[in-house]
Amino acid sequence: MKRRDFSLLATAGAAGALWSTSALADAAKPEAGTDYVVLDPHAPVEAPAGKIEVVEFFWYNCPHCNAFEPQLAAWIKTLPKDIAFRRVPIAFREDFMPQQRLYFSLEAMGLVEKLHAKVFAAIHVEKLDLSKVVAITDWVVKQGVDKAKFNEQYNSFSVATKATKATQLQNAYKVEGVPALGVAGRFYTDGSLAKGMDKALKVVESLAAAIRSGK
């Protein structure tokens, strides 16, 4: 979703249509300025030396991110060892921040694998409103998470710091919509640029290969 669209959420059907692309497009070599953007200056990275960092920018309430998540999860399982992947929840507005903290709290508690997809399902399938901390906490507790431990993480300095850095990173990448992908602090692509998130993943693979070969 583009920033201007966040007040008018698309339907799930429209979200599904956004991800289609042609086989011919998949076969084409990605072009700077068309399929992806070259960042100048570069965005910061957290990956250690020898690793290529790939970042997914997302928002739990975004129907496009929800539609993309199963494909992304499958893709992550195929990544080579030199790819350091991480998710970054965006905050285009102040009311996005509770869900930023939700993700980083789950991450701190080692619960992303267990609950990340369930958050999407709760919002987009069960139609729950998880935009505020009270509703978020109630939902997390229903998933069997200790309330006190979750609140401790949610209100911690470390989670607040990660949320601040996430917003700074989204701005460094000049993210205009989600889901979006960043590569090595040097390149940015999304569904609009690549003409579909399936193609965006191919763009990321191509850029990583170029970095790997020293280009």
Foldseek 3Di string as FASTA:
>chain_A
DFPVCPVPADALVVLLVQADDDPVLLPDADDDPFFKHFAVPFFDDDDDPQAKEKEWEDALLHSNCLNCVVVVVVVVVVDDPRYDYDYFYEDPDPLSLLVLLLCVLCVVVVNCVPPVNVSSCCCRVVVDDPSDDVSVLVVVVVVVDDSVSSVCSSPDPVSVVSNVVSHVRCVSSVDRDPRKMDIRSTMIGHCVRSSRVVSSVSNNVSVVVCVVVPD
